[in-house]
Amino acid sequence: MKKIFLAVLLLATFLIGGCGGQSKEEPQAEVKEETQAEAAPAQDVKGNLKISMLNVGQGDAILIQTGKQTILIDTSDTDERDLLVKELEKLSVTKIDKLILTHPHADHIGSAKALINPSKKELGANPYLEKISVAEVYDNGIASNSPLYKSYLKAIDAKKITHQSLKAGDTLDFGGGVKFNVLYPTTELVEAVNNGGWKSDPNNESVVGKLTYKKFSMMFTGDAEKDVEASLLTNNKTKALKCDVLKSGHHGSYTASTKDFIAAVNPSVVLISAGPVEERRNTYGHPHLEPLENYLAAGIDKKNIYCTRWNGTITIISDGKDFSVQPEQKEDWLDKWITKKHKDKKK
């Protein structure tokens, strides 16, 4: 009799533990935090989705590995190239199937040319660059006078690499069932800027897209600011914006992450890319106070708000049903940073 009671008790415990979920309108992946030691080996994704927000200082560089393809979104700044190459080498990256450049600011495209067609000087500084090849390059299709922009276009031509632009409505196949649905910029905006009918504003021309893998989803925002968020809210149904993870717009700047946009995306996890001030890799003091308070007001657990400045490279692994967040360093930084920002505000 005792054995029967114990079996029933164990079965009940299993059923209760397996029925937990998030109270969202749609089923979303369950988040689990793991230690770095529990992470899957970088070179063996085993068919699962792996997203790494790389620790590259002030700029952006996000690596996506699907088991079928390796995708890099942005390449950090020129003075962060050593950090970028170090991260790619650490993750054993030798082929980038798709390089997506969200907009032509230096902290996003600064190392693009070196990845595509490195010079002898660049190879001398970072020999690992010789092992890296880039198959395809995507950007927002808006021309720029930036020397860095022109340099990576020349590199693409020199290597005869496929080069395409992205606009709202496009979908990229990342392999393994992973899709990237482009939400911005619109065709009308691209044409207006390229034809001189609209003054260029690179941040607000960023490629914005939603990555989906079965039940898991993540919003990629580049440096898109409040005007773009408003446009996304106007032109998309709430279902199209809802995601498990939000890449904080513009490095956690007050220029992005409005309450309405956060409510629509309704993430359980936020990732912020920002560098240490003491190394002059964070000249704008990111992340700012307003977005952080907006995230907390939206009910996002402070333990689920990560920043490369304190957490190092932040890795997400998903099987399409559940997902884990694996910060390189675990640090309880948010309360201290918010307190500091309030003090700075009073000065």
C-alpha atoms as a PDB file:
ATOM      1  CA  MET A   1       0.000   0.000   0.000  1.00  0.00           C
ATOM      2  CA  LYS A   2       2.839   2.379   0.850  1.00  0.00           C
ATOM      3  CA  LYS A   3       4.449   1.651  -2.527  1.00  0.00           C
ATOM      4  CA  ILE A   4       1.207   2.503  -4.359  1.00  0.00           C
ATOM      5  CA  PHE A   5       0.829   5.774  -2.405  1.00  0.00           C
ATOM      6  CA  LEU A   6       4.451   6.721  -3.185  1.00  0.00           C
ATOM      7  CA  ALA A   7       3.989   6.032  -6.902  1.00  0.00           C
ATOM      8  CA  VAL A   8       0.833   8.176  -7.014  1.00  0.00           C
ATOM      9  CA  LEU A   9       2.616  10.978  -5.152  1.00  0.00           C
ATOM     10  CA  LEU A  10       5.557  10.913  -7.581  1.00  0.00           C
ATOM     11  CA  LEU A  11       3.216  10.924 -10.587  1.00  0.00           C
ATOM     12  CA  ALA A  12       1.310  13.903  -9.205  1.00  0.00           C
ATOM     13  CA  THR A  13       4.545  15.785  -8.571  1.00  0.00           C
ATOM     14  CA  PHE A  14       5.662  15.125 -12.149  1.00  0.00           C
ATOM     15  CA  LEU A  15       2.373  16.315 -13.630  1.00  0.00           C
ATOM     16  CA  ILE A  16       2.338  19.490 -11.551  1.00  0.00           C
ATOM     17  CA  GLY A  17       5.953  20.299 -12.460  1.00  0.00           C
ATOM     18  CA  GLY A  18       5.323  19.673 -16.155  1.00  0.00           C
ATOM     19  CA  CYS A  19       2.278  21.922 -16.477  1.00  0.00           C
ATOM     20  CA  GLY A  20       3.920  25.229 -15.608  1.00  0.00           C
ATOM     21  CA  GLY A  21       3.728  27.997 -18.210  1.00  0.00           C
ATOM     22  CA  GLN A  22       3.832  31.713 -18.774  1.00  0.00           C
ATOM     23  CA  SER A  23       0.570  33.647 -18.679  1.00  0.00           C
ATOM     24  CA  LYS A  24       0.763  35.015 -22.211  1.00  0.00           C
ATOM     25  CA  GLU A  25      -1.820  34.984 -24.965  1.00  0.00           C
ATOM     26  CA  GLU A  26       0.270  32.557 -27.024  1.00  0.00           C
ATOM     27  CA  PRO A  27       2.366  29.595 -25.868  1.00  0.00           C
ATOM     28  CA  GLN A  28       5.960  30.734 -25.551  1.00  0.00           C
ATOM     29  CA  ALA A  29       9.192  29.012 -24.763  1.00  0.00           C
ATOM     30  CA  GLU A  30       9.997  28.451 -21.105  1.00  0.00           C
ATOM     31  CA  VAL A  31      13.088  30.283 -19.881  1.00  0.00           C
ATOM     32  CA  LYS A  32      15.630  28.471 -17.766  1.00  0.00           C
ATOM     33  CA  GLU A  33      18.874  29.996 -16.519  1.00  0.00           C
ATOM     34  CA  GLU A  34      21.918  27.762 -16.581  1.00  0.00           C
ATOM     35  CA  THR A  35      25.539  28.185 -15.650  1.00  0.00           C
ATOM     36  CA  GLN A  36      28.124  28.669 -18.368  1.00  0.00           C
ATOM     37  CA  ALA A  37      29.520  25.216 -17.606  1.00  0.00           C
ATOM     38  CA  GLU A  38      26.211  23.678 -18.674  1.00  0.00           C
ATOM     39  CA  ALA A  39      26.260  25.335 -22.105  1.00  0.00           C
ATOM     40  CA  ALA A  40      26.376  23.171 -25.218  1.00  0.00           C
ATOM     41  CA  PRO A  41      29.801  23.173 -26.901  1.00  0.00           C
ATOM     42  CA  ALA A  42      30.116  26.136 -29.254  1.00  0.00           C
ATOM     43  CA  GLN A  43      31.084  23.983 -32.222  1.00  0.00           C
ATOM     44  CA  ASP A  44      28.190  21.539 -31.759  1.00  0.00           C
ATOM     45  CA  VAL A  45      24.755  23.147 -31.700  1.00  0.00           C
ATOM     46  CA  LYS A  46      23.126  19.710 -32.197  1.00  0.00           C
ATOM     47  CA  GLY A  47      20.267  21.081 -34.275  1.00  0.00           C
ATOM     48  CA  ASN A  48      19.202  23.517 -31.575  1.00  0.00           C
ATOM     49  CA  LEU A  49      19.184  27.270 -31.922  1.00  0.00           C
ATOM     50  CA  LYS A  50      22.035  29.125 -30.263  1.00  0.00           C
ATOM     51  CA  ILE A  51      22.143  32.925 -30.066  1.00  0.00           C
ATOM     52  CA  SER A  52      25.168  34.695 -28.603  1.00  0.00           C
ATOM     53  CA  MET A  53      25.167  38.420 -27.891  1.00  0.00           C
ATOM     54  CA  LEU A  54      28.920  38.879 -28.062  1.00  0.00           C
ATOM     55  CA  ASN A  55      30.806  40.961 -25.532  1.00  0.00           C
ATOM     56  CA  VAL A  56      32.290  43.549 -27.915  1.00  0.00           C
ATOM     57  CA  GLY A  57      32.142  46.790 -25.944  1.00  0.00           C
ATOM     58  CA  GLN A  58      29.884  49.613 -27.062  1.00  0.00           C
ATOM     59  CA  GLY A  59      28.903  48.106 -30.411  1.00  0.00           C
ATOM     60  CA  ASP A  60      26.644  45.271 -31.509  1.00  0.00           C
ATOM     61  CA  ALA A  61      27.547  41.784 -32.734  1.00  0.00           C
ATOM     62  CA  ILE A  62      25.088  38.916 -32.342  1.00  0.00           C
ATOM     63  CA  LEU A  63      25.927  35.416 -33.534  1.00  0.00           C
ATOM     64  CA  ILE A  64      23.180  32.957 -34.469  1.00  0.00           C
ATOM     65  CA  GLN A  65      23.906  29.257 -34.965  1.00  0.00           C
ATOM     66  CA  THR A  66      21.159  26.947 -36.156  1.00  0.00           C
ATOM     67  CA  GLY A  67      23.028  23.724 -36.825  1.00  0.00           C
ATOM     68  CA  LYS A  68      22.605  24.441 -40.542  1.00  0.00           C
ATOM     69  CA  GLN A  69      23.877  28.013 -40.787  1.00  0.00           C
ATOM     70  CA  THR A  70      25.901  30.611 -38.924  1.00  0.00           C
ATOM     71  CA  ILE A  71      24.581  34.161 -39.047  1.00  0.00           C
ATOM     72  CA  LEU A  72      26.221  37.303 -37.698  1.00  0.00           C
ATOM     73  CA  ILE A  73      24.140  40.435 -37.130  1.00  0.00           C
ATOM     74  CA  ASP A  74      26.472  43.475 -37.026  1.00  0.00           C
ATOM     75  CA  THR A  75      30.218  43.458 -36.474  1.00  0.00           C
ATOM     76  CA  SER A  76      31.028  45.929 -33.668  1.00  0.00           C
ATOM     77  CA  ASP A  77      33.305  48.952 -34.129  1.00  0.00           C
ATOM     78  CA  THR A  78      36.764  49.090 -35.680  1.00  0.00           C
ATOM     79  CA  ASP A  79      38.419  49.569 -32.294  1.00  0.00           C
ATOM     80  CA  GLU A  80      36.510  46.543 -30.992  1.00  0.00           C
ATOM     81  CA  ARG A  81      37.722  44.223 -33.756  1.00  0.00           C
ATOM     82  CA  ASP A  82      40.115  42.364 -31.450  1.00  0.00           C
ATOM     83  CA  LEU A  83      37.202  41.588 -29.140  1.00  0.00           C
ATOM     84  CA  LEU A  84      35.012  40.424 -32.026  1.00  0.00           C
ATOM     85  CA  VAL A  85      37.662  38.149 -33.523  1.00  0.00           C
ATOM     86  CA  LYS A  86      38.449  36.735 -30.091  1.00  0.00           C
ATOM     87  CA  GLU A  87      34.763  35.876 -29.574  1.00  0.00           C
ATOM     88  CA  LEU A  88      34.442  34.284 -33.027  1.00  0.00           C
ATOM     89  CA  GLU A  89      37.587  32.232 -32.454  1.00  0.00           C
ATOM     90  CA  LYS A  90      36.324  31.167 -29.034  1.00  0.00           C
ATOM     91  CA  LEU A  91      33.142  29.925 -30.710  1.00  0.00           C
ATOM     92  CA  SER A  92      35.109  28.209 -33.519  1.00  0.00           C
ATOM     93  CA  VAL A  93      33.407  30.244 -36.241  1.00  0.00           C
ATOM     94  CA  THR A  94      35.043  29.795 -39.641  1.00  0.00           C
ATOM     95  CA  LYS A  95      32.138  30.389 -42.030  1.00  0.00           C
ATOM     96  CA  ILE A  96      29.497  33.090 -41.793  1.00  0.00           C
ATOM     97  CA  ASP A  97      26.643  32.064 -44.072  1.00  0.00           C
ATOM     98  CA  LYS A  98      24.812  35.358 -43.663  1.00  0.00           C
ATOM     99  CA  LEU A  99      26.203  38.674 -42.470  1.00  0.00           C
ATOM    100  CA  ILE A 100      23.412  41.148 -41.684  1.00  0.00           C
ATOM    101  CA  LEU A 101      24.373  44.788 -41.166  1.00  0.00           C
ATOM    102  CA  THR A 102      21.494  46.677 -39.592  1.00  0.00           C
ATOM    103  CA  HIS A 103      22.682  50.212 -40.423  1.00  0.00           C
ATOM    104  CA  PRO A 104      25.948  51.956 -41.368  1.00  0.00           C
ATOM    105  CA  HIS A 105      27.059  53.372 -38.018  1.00  0.00           C
ATOM    106  CA  ALA A 106      30.627  52.491 -37.052  1.00  0.00           C
ATOM    107  CA  ASP A 107      29.671  50.503 -33.940  1.00  0.00           C
ATOM    108  CA  HIS A 108      27.650  48.148 -36.142  1.00  0.00           C
ATOM    109  CA  ILE A 109      29.645  47.854 -39.386  1.00  0.00           C
ATOM    110  CA  GLY A 110      33.121  48.769 -38.167  1.00  0.00           C
ATOM    111  CA  SER A 111      34.632  45.301 -38.627  1.00  0.00           C
ATOM    112  CA  ALA A 112      32.588  44.214 -41.670  1.00  0.00           C
ATOM    113  CA  LYS A 113      35.291  44.886 -44.235  1.00  0.00           C
ATOM    114  CA  ALA A 114      37.902  42.975 -42.201  1.00  0.00           C
ATOM    115  CA  LEU A 115      35.616  39.926 -41.996  1.00  0.00           C
ATOM    116  CA  ILE A 116      34.823  40.011 -45.715  1.00  0.00           C
ATOM    117  CA  ASN A 117      38.241  40.799 -47.198  1.00  0.00           C
ATOM    118  CA  PRO A 118      40.938  41.514 -44.592  1.00  0.00           C
ATOM    119  CA  SER A 119      44.090  43.419 -45.511  1.00  0.00           C
ATOM    120  CA  LYS A 120      47.582  42.191 -44.640  1.00  0.00           C
ATOM    121  CA  LYS A 121      47.631  44.656 -41.764  1.00  0.00           C
ATOM    122  CA  GLU A 122      44.307  43.371 -40.428  1.00  0.00           C
ATOM    123  CA  LEU A 123      45.491  39.767 -40.788  1.00  0.00           C
ATOM    124  CA  GLY A 124      48.699  40.664 -38.986  1.00  0.00           C
ATOM    125  CA  ALA A 125      46.726  42.012 -36.039  1.00  0.00           C
ATOM    126  CA  ASN A 126      44.185  39.155 -36.101  1.00  0.00           C
ATOM    127  CA  PRO A 127      45.489  36.038 -37.918  1.00  0.00           C
ATOM    128  CA  TYR A 128      42.238  34.179 -37.204  1.00  0.00           C
ATOM    129  CA  LEU A 129      40.534  36.403 -39.804  1.00  0.00           C
ATOM    130  CA  GLU A 130      42.163  34.277 -42.501  1.00  0.00           C
ATOM    131  CA  LYS A 131      40.037  31.313 -41.387  1.00  0.00           C
ATOM    132  CA  ILE A 132      36.748  33.218 -41.679  1.00  0.00           C
ATOM    133  CA  SER A 133      34.725  33.347 -44.886  1.00  0.00           C
ATOM    134  CA  VAL A 134      31.488  35.241 -45.557  1.00  0.00           C
ATOM    135  CA  ALA A 135      28.987  33.786 -48.051  1.00  0.00           C
ATOM    136  CA  GLU A 136      26.246  36.447 -48.195  1.00  0.00           C
ATOM    137  CA  VAL A 137      25.827  40.039 -46.988  1.00  0.00           C
ATOM    138  CA  TYR A 138      22.546  41.820 -46.252  1.00  0.00           C
ATOM    139  CA  ASP A 139      21.874  45.435 -45.296  1.00  0.00           C
ATOM    140  CA  ASN A 140      18.996  47.916 -45.325  1.00  0.00           C
ATOM    141  CA  GLY A 141      19.507  48.974 -48.940  1.00  0.00           C
ATOM    142  CA  ILE A 142      20.052  52.633 -48.061  1.00  0.00           C
ATOM    143  CA  ALA A 143      23.174  54.203 -49.524  1.00  0.00           C
ATOM    144  CA  SER A 144      25.603  55.969 -47.206  1.00  0.00           C
ATOM    145  CA  ASN A 145      28.607  58.258 -47.586  1.00  0.00           C
ATOM    146  CA  SER A 146      30.302  56.581 -44.627  1.00  0.00           C
ATOM    147  CA  PRO A 147      33.865  55.463 -45.472  1.00  0.00           C
ATOM    148  CA  LEU A 148      33.210  52.241 -43.565  1.00  0.00           C
ATOM    149  CA  TYR A 149      30.095  51.610 -45.660  1.00  0.00           C
ATOM    150  CA  LYS A 150      32.028  52.174 -48.878  1.00  0.00           C
ATOM    151  CA  SER A 151      34.878  49.962 -47.678  1.00  0.00           C
ATOM    152  CA  TYR A 152      32.685  46.929 -47.079  1.00  0.00           C
ATOM    153  CA  LEU A 153      30.949  47.423 -50.444  1.00  0.00           C
ATOM    154  CA  LYS A 154      34.376  47.349 -52.134  1.00  0.00           C
ATOM    155  CA  ALA A 155      35.253  44.243 -50.144  1.00  0.00           C
ATOM    156  CA  ILE A 156      32.033  42.546 -51.299  1.00  0.00           C
ATOM    157  CA  ASP A 157      32.842  43.370 -54.935  1.00  0.00           C
ATOM    158  CA  ALA A 158      36.425  42.169 -54.551  1.00  0.00           C
ATOM    159  CA  LYS A 159      35.300  38.802 -53.166  1.00  0.00           C
ATOM    160  CA  LYS A 160      32.246  38.577 -55.476  1.00  0.00           C
ATOM    161  CA  ILE A 161      29.947  37.952 -52.530  1.00  0.00           C
ATOM    162  CA  THR A 162      26.157  37.953 -52.858  1.00  0.00           C
ATOM    163  CA  HIS A 163      24.802  41.262 -51.548  1.00  0.00           C
ATOM    164  CA  GLN A 164      21.100  41.924 -50.952  1.00  0.00           C
ATOM    165  CA  SER A 165      18.975  44.500 -49.167  1.00  0.00           C
ATOM    166  CA  LEU A 166      16.244  43.739 -46.653  1.00  0.00           C
ATOM    167  CA  LYS A 167      12.861  45.423 -46.296  1.00  0.00           C
ATOM    168  CA  ALA A 168       9.655  44.861 -44.373  1.00  0.00           C
ATOM    169  CA  GLY A 169       7.927  41.700 -45.582  1.00  0.00           C
ATOM    170  CA  ASP A 170      11.121  39.820 -46.473  1.00  0.00           C
ATOM    171  CA  THR A 171      11.897  36.485 -44.825  1.00  0.00           C
ATOM    172  CA  LEU A 172      15.307  34.850 -44.500  1.00  0.00           C
ATOM    173  CA  ASP A 173      15.699  31.117 -43.939  1.00  0.00           C
ATOM    174  CA  PHE A 174      18.401  30.502 -41.334  1.00  0.00           C
ATOM    175  CA  GLY A 175      18.094  26.728 -41.680  1.00  0.00           C
ATOM    176  CA  GLY A 176      16.909  24.116 -39.214  1.00  0.00           C
ATOM    177  CA  GLY A 177      13.420  25.608 -39.106  1.00  0.00           C
ATOM    178  CA  VAL A 178      14.659  29.047 -38.006  1.00  0.00           C
ATOM    179  CA  LYS A 179      13.173  32.028 -39.861  1.00  0.00           C
ATOM    180  CA  PHE A 180      13.913  35.739 -39.743  1.00  0.00           C
ATOM    181  CA  ASN A 181      10.947  37.932 -40.660  1.00  0.00           C
ATOM    182  CA  VAL A 182      11.961  41.493 -41.543  1.00  0.00           C
ATOM    183  CA  LEU A 183       9.663  44.164 -40.071  1.00  0.00           C
ATOM    184  CA  TYR A 184      11.612  47.313 -40.981  1.00  0.00           C
ATOM    185  CA  PRO A 185      12.598  49.416 -42.923  1.00  0.00           C
ATOM    186  CA  THR A 186       9.660  49.806 -45.288  1.00  0.00           C
ATOM    187  CA  THR A 187      10.080  49.952 -49.062  1.00  0.00           C
ATOM    188  CA  GLU A 188       8.650  53.469 -49.027  1.00  0.00           C
ATOM    189  CA  LEU A 189      11.260  54.692 -46.541  1.00  0.00           C
ATOM    190  CA  VAL A 190      14.159  53.170 -48.474  1.00  0.00           C
ATOM    191  CA  GLU A 191      13.000  54.723 -51.741  1.00  0.00           C
ATOM    192  CA  ALA A 192      12.369  58.116 -50.135  1.00  0.00           C
ATOM    193  CA  VAL A 193      15.839  58.276 -48.570  1.00  0.00           C
ATOM    194  CA  ASN A 194      17.666  57.008 -51.653  1.00  0.00           C
ATOM    195  CA  ASN A 195      15.792  59.467 -53.887  1.00  0.00           C
ATOM    196  CA  GLY A 196      16.584  62.414 -51.634  1.00  0.00           C
ATOM    197  CA  GLY A 197      12.980  62.889 -50.545  1.00  0.00           C
ATOM    198  CA  TRP A 198      13.714  62.092 -46.925  1.00  0.00           C
ATOM    199  CA  LYS A 199      16.721  63.007 -44.801  1.00  0.00           C
ATOM    200  CA  SER A 200      18.675  59.945 -43.762  1.00  0.00           C
ATOM    201  CA  ASP A 201      18.555  58.959 -40.082  1.00  0.00           C
ATOM    202  CA  PRO A 202      20.625  55.726 -39.849  1.00  0.00           C
ATOM    203  CA  ASN A 203      19.374  54.593 -36.428  1.00  0.00           C
ATOM    204  CA  ASN A 204      15.787  54.830 -37.603  1.00  0.00           C
ATOM    205  CA  GLU A 205      16.597  52.968 -40.802  1.00  0.00           C
ATOM    206  CA  SER A 206      17.870  49.917 -38.911  1.00  0.00           C
ATOM    207  CA  VAL A 207      16.919  46.456 -40.026  1.00  0.00           C
ATOM    208  CA  VAL A 208      14.408  45.177 -37.470  1.00  0.00           C
ATOM    209  CA  GLY A 209      13.361  41.554 -37.549  1.00  0.00           C
ATOM    210  CA  LYS A 210      11.682  38.774 -35.612  1.00  0.00           C
ATOM    211  CA  LEU A 211      13.460  35.429 -35.394  1.00  0.00           C
ATOM    212  CA  THR A 212      11.224  32.410 -34.880  1.00  0.00           C
ATOM    213  CA  TYR A 213      12.033  28.785 -34.118  1.00  0.00           C
ATOM    214  CA  LYS A 214       8.915  26.745 -33.377  1.00  0.00           C
ATOM    215  CA  LYS A 215       7.537  28.336 -30.170  1.00  0.00           C
ATOM    216  CA  PHE A 216      10.631  30.444 -29.492  1.00  0.00           C
ATOM    217  CA  SER A 217      11.012  34.005 -30.810  1.00  0.00           C
ATOM    218  CA  MET A 218      13.350  36.970 -30.446  1.00  0.00           C
ATOM    219  CA  MET A 219      13.062  40.581 -31.589  1.00  0.00           C
ATOM    220  CA  PHE A 220      16.181  42.130 -33.165  1.00  0.00           C
ATOM    221  CA  THR A 221      16.055  45.923 -33.202  1.00  0.00           C
ATOM    222  CA  GLY A 222      19.432  47.304 -34.290  1.00  0.00           C
ATOM    223  CA  ASP A 223      19.461  50.921 -33.115  1.00  0.00           C
ATOM    224  CA  ALA A 224      15.801  51.580 -33.939  1.00  0.00           C
ATOM    225  CA  GLU A 225      14.336  54.332 -31.772  1.00  0.00           C
ATOM    226  CA  LYS A 226      10.893  55.422 -30.601  1.00  0.00           C
ATOM    227  CA  ASP A 227       9.664  56.564 -34.031  1.00  0.00           C
ATOM    228  CA  VAL A 228      10.366  53.137 -35.493  1.00  0.00           C
ATOM    229  CA  GLU A 229       8.714  51.429 -32.530  1.00  0.00           C
ATOM    230  CA  ALA A 230       5.610  53.553 -33.124  1.00  0.00           C
ATOM    231  CA  SER A 231       5.649  52.587 -36.806  1.00  0.00           C
ATOM    232  CA  LEU A 232       5.963  48.908 -35.923  1.00  0.00           C
ATOM    233  CA  LEU A 233       2.990  49.184 -33.573  1.00  0.00           C
ATOM    234  CA  THR A 234       0.924  50.873 -36.271  1.00  0.00           C
ATOM    235  CA  ASN A 235       1.803  48.516 -39.101  1.00  0.00           C
ATOM    236  CA  ASN A 236       1.785  45.163 -37.323  1.00  0.00           C
ATOM    237  CA  LYS A 237      -0.658  43.125 -35.307  1.00  0.00           C
ATOM    238  CA  THR A 238       0.325  42.461 -31.715  1.00  0.00           C
ATOM    239  CA  LYS A 239       0.857  38.779 -32.562  1.00  0.00           C
ATOM    240  CA  ALA A 240       3.542  39.712 -35.080  1.00  0.00           C
ATOM    241  CA  LEU A 241       5.541  41.619 -32.457  1.00  0.00           C
ATOM    242  CA  LYS A 242       5.246  39.311 -29.441  1.00  0.00           C
ATOM    243  CA  CYS A 243       8.562  37.628 -28.581  1.00  0.00           C
ATOM    244  CA  ASP A 244      10.213  35.720 -25.762  1.00  0.00           C
ATOM    245  CA  VAL A 245      13.387  37.805 -25.952  1.00  0.00           C
ATOM    246  CA  LEU A 246      13.927  41.469 -26.818  1.00  0.00           C
ATOM    247  CA  LYS A 247      17.232  42.829 -28.004  1.00  0.00           C
ATOM    248  CA  SER A 248      17.104  46.258 -26.351  1.00  0.00           C
ATOM    249  CA  GLY A 249      16.960  49.011 -28.971  1.00  0.00           C
ATOM    250  CA  HIS A 250      19.960  51.333 -29.320  1.00  0.00           C
ATOM    251  CA  HIS A 251      22.051  49.715 -26.568  1.00  0.00           C
ATOM    252  CA  GLY A 252      19.441  50.451 -23.892  1.00  0.00           C
ATOM    253  CA  SER A 253      19.198  54.142 -24.761  1.00  0.00           C
ATOM    254  CA  TYR A 254      16.347  56.399 -23.610  1.00  0.00           C
ATOM    255  CA  THR A 255      15.686  56.950 -27.334  1.00  0.00           C
ATOM    256  CA  ALA A 256      14.088  53.481 -27.521  1.00  0.00           C
ATOM    257  CA  SER A 257      12.063  50.935 -25.518  1.00  0.00           C
ATOM    258  CA  THR A 258       8.790  52.790 -25.051  1.00  0.00           C
ATOM    259  CA  LYS A 259       6.211  51.332 -22.680  1.00  0.00           C
ATOM    260  CA  ASP A 260       3.814  50.604 -25.553  1.00  0.00           C
ATOM    261  CA  PHE A 261       6.449  48.762 -27.562  1.00  0.00           C
ATOM    262  CA  ILE A 262       7.581  46.696 -24.581  1.00  0.00           C
ATOM    263  CA  ALA A 263       3.945  45.827 -23.842  1.00  0.00           C
ATOM    264  CA  ALA A 264       3.429  44.654 -27.434  1.00  0.00           C
ATOM    265  CA  VAL A 265       6.609  42.566 -27.571  1.00  0.00           C
ATOM    266  CA  ASN A 266       5.887  41.309 -24.032  1.00  0.00           C
ATOM    267  CA  PRO A 267       9.289  39.654 -23.539  1.00  0.00           C
ATOM    268  CA  SER A 268      10.360  37.617 -20.543  1.00  0.00           C
ATOM    269  CA  VAL A 269      14.058  38.338 -21.234  1.00  0.00           C
ATOM    270  CA  VAL A 270      15.898  41.487 -22.382  1.00  0.00           C
ATOM    271  CA  LEU A 271      19.461  41.587 -23.747  1.00  0.00           C
ATOM    272  CA  ILE A 272      21.493  44.808 -23.850  1.00  0.00           C
ATOM    273  CA  SER A 273      24.804  45.346 -25.623  1.00  0.00           C
ATOM    274  CA  ALA A 274      26.910  48.051 -23.932  1.00  0.00           C
ATOM    275  CA  GLY A 275      30.539  48.410 -22.949  1.00  0.00           C
ATOM    276  CA  PRO A 276      32.474  49.516 -19.862  1.00  0.00           C
ATOM    277  CA  VAL A 277      32.822  53.274 -19.385  1.00  0.00           C
ATOM    278  CA  GLU A 278      36.257  52.928 -17.860  1.00  0.00           C
ATOM    279  CA  GLU A 279      37.593  51.580 -21.170  1.00  0.00           C
ATOM    280  CA  ARG A 280      35.922  54.400 -23.106  1.00  0.00           C
ATOM    281  CA  ARG A 281      33.805  51.847 -24.908  1.00  0.00           C
ATOM    282  CA  ASN A 282      30.550  53.300 -23.631  1.00  0.00           C
ATOM    283  CA  THR A 283      30.666  57.027 -24.309  1.00  0.00           C
ATOM    284  CA  TYR A 284      26.892  57.461 -23.906  1.00  0.00           C
ATOM    285  CA  GLY A 285      26.502  55.812 -20.507  1.00  0.00           C
ATOM    286  CA  HIS A 286      24.301  52.951 -21.739  1.00  0.00           C
ATOM    287  CA  PRO A 287      22.018  51.509 -20.554  1.00  0.00           C
ATOM    288  CA  HIS A 288      19.925  54.527 -19.612  1.00  0.00           C
ATOM    289  CA  LEU A 289      17.495  54.774 -16.718  1.00  0.00           C
ATOM    290  CA  GLU A 290      14.198  55.165 -18.614  1.00  0.00           C
ATOM    291  CA  PRO A 291      14.283  51.859 -20.547  1.00  0.00           C
ATOM    292  CA  LEU A 292      15.360  49.908 -17.477  1.00  0.00           C
ATOM    293  CA  GLU A 293      12.473  51.294 -15.451  1.00  0.00           C
ATOM    294  CA  ASN A 294      10.120  50.616 -18.359  1.00  0.00           C
ATOM    295  CA  TYR A 295      11.215  46.976 -18.429  1.00  0.00           C
ATOM    296  CA  LEU A 296      10.635  46.584 -14.704  1.00  0.00           C
ATOM    297  CA  ALA A 297       7.280  48.368 -14.902  1.00  0.00           C
ATOM    298  CA  ALA A 298       6.254  45.892 -17.597  1.00  0.00           C
ATOM    299  CA  GLY A 299       6.795  43.061 -15.127  1.00  0.00           C
ATOM    300  CA  ILE A 300      10.078  41.730 -16.496  1.00  0.00           C
ATOM    301  CA  ASP A 301      12.066  40.081 -13.715  1.00  0.00           C
ATOM    302  CA  LYS A 302      15.258  42.038 -13.033  1.00  0.00           C
ATOM    303  CA  LYS A 303      17.159  38.739 -13.131  1.00  0.00           C
ATOM    304  CA  ASN A 304      16.102  38.397 -16.770  1.00  0.00           C
ATOM    305  CA  ILE A 305      17.585  41.740 -17.867  1.00  0.00           C
ATOM    306  CA  TYR A 306      21.135  41.104 -19.062  1.00  0.00           C
ATOM    307  CA  CYS A 307      23.859  43.453 -20.264  1.00  0.00           C
ATOM    308  CA  THR A 308      27.203  42.532 -21.836  1.00  0.00           C
ATOM    309  CA  ARG A 309      28.911  45.210 -19.723  1.00  0.00           C
ATOM    310  CA  TRP A 310      28.364  43.133 -16.576  1.00  0.00           C
ATOM    311  CA  ASN A 311      27.370  39.707 -17.891  1.00  0.00           C
ATOM    312  CA  GLY A 312      29.901  39.300 -20.703  1.00  0.00           C
ATOM    313  CA  THR A 313      28.762  37.292 -23.699  1.00  0.00           C
ATOM    314  CA  ILE A 314      25.137  36.240 -23.204  1.00  0.00           C
ATOM    315  CA  THR A 315      24.051  32.960 -24.784  1.00  0.00           C
ATOM    316  CA  ILE A 316      20.547  31.701 -25.440  1.00  0.00           C
ATOM    317  CA  ILE A 317      19.940  28.072 -26.384  1.00  0.00           C
ATOM    318  CA  SER A 318      16.524  26.853 -27.498  1.00  0.00           C
ATOM    319  CA  ASP A 319      15.042  23.596 -28.734  1.00  0.00           C
ATOM    320  CA  GLY A 320      12.048  25.543 -30.023  1.00  0.00           C
ATOM    321  CA  LYS A 321      10.013  24.699 -26.948  1.00  0.00           C
ATOM    322  CA  ASP A 322      12.114  25.870 -23.997  1.00  0.00           C
ATOM    323  CA  PHE A 323      15.111  28.176 -23.864  1.00  0.00           C
ATOM    324  CA  SER A 324      17.944  28.824 -21.468  1.00  0.00           C
ATOM    325  CA  VAL A 325      19.922  32.005 -20.825  1.00  0.00           C
ATOM    326  CA  GLN A 326      23.589  31.513 -20.056  1.00  0.00           C
ATOM    327  CA  PRO A 327      25.482  34.679 -19.090  1.00  0.00           C
ATOM    328  CA  GLU A 328      29.254  34.415 -19.137  1.00  0.00           C
ATOM    329  CA  GLN A 329      29.271  36.182 -15.785  1.00  0.00           C
ATOM    330  CA  LYS A 330      26.474  36.289 -13.247  1.00  0.00           C
ATOM    331  CA  GLU A 331      26.291  39.689 -11.646  1.00  0.00           C
ATOM    332  CA  ASP A 332      23.461  41.425  -9.816  1.00  0.00           C
ATOM    333  CA  TRP A 333      24.021  44.790 -11.490  1.00  0.00           C
ATOM    334  CA  LEU A 334      20.608  46.282 -12.165  1.00  0.00           C
ATOM    335  CA  ASP A 335      19.660  47.764  -8.770  1.00  0.00           C
ATOM    336  CA  LYS A 336      23.103  49.314  -8.305  1.00  0.00           C
ATOM    337  CA  TRP A 337      23.067  50.810 -11.797  1.00  0.00           C
ATOM    338  CA  ILE A 338      19.573  52.263 -11.412  1.00  0.00           C
ATOM    339  CA  THR A 339      20.584  53.799  -8.061  1.00  0.00           C
ATOM    340  CA  LYS A 340      23.649  55.343  -9.713  1.00  0.00           C
ATOM    341  CA  LYS A 341      21.566  56.726 -12.582  1.00  0.00           C
ATOM    342  CA  HIS A 342      19.133  58.346 -10.124  1.00  0.00           C
ATOM    343  CA  LYS A 343      22.038  59.965  -8.297  1.00  0.00           C
ATOM    344  CA  ASP A 344      23.503  61.234 -11.565  1.00  0.00           C
ATOM    345  CA  LYS A 345      20.132  62.647 -12.509  1.00  0.00           C
ATOM    346  CA  LYS A 346      19.983  64.739  -9.332  1.00  0.00           C
ATOM    347  CA  LYS A 347      23.402  66.323  -9.906  1.00  0.00           C
END
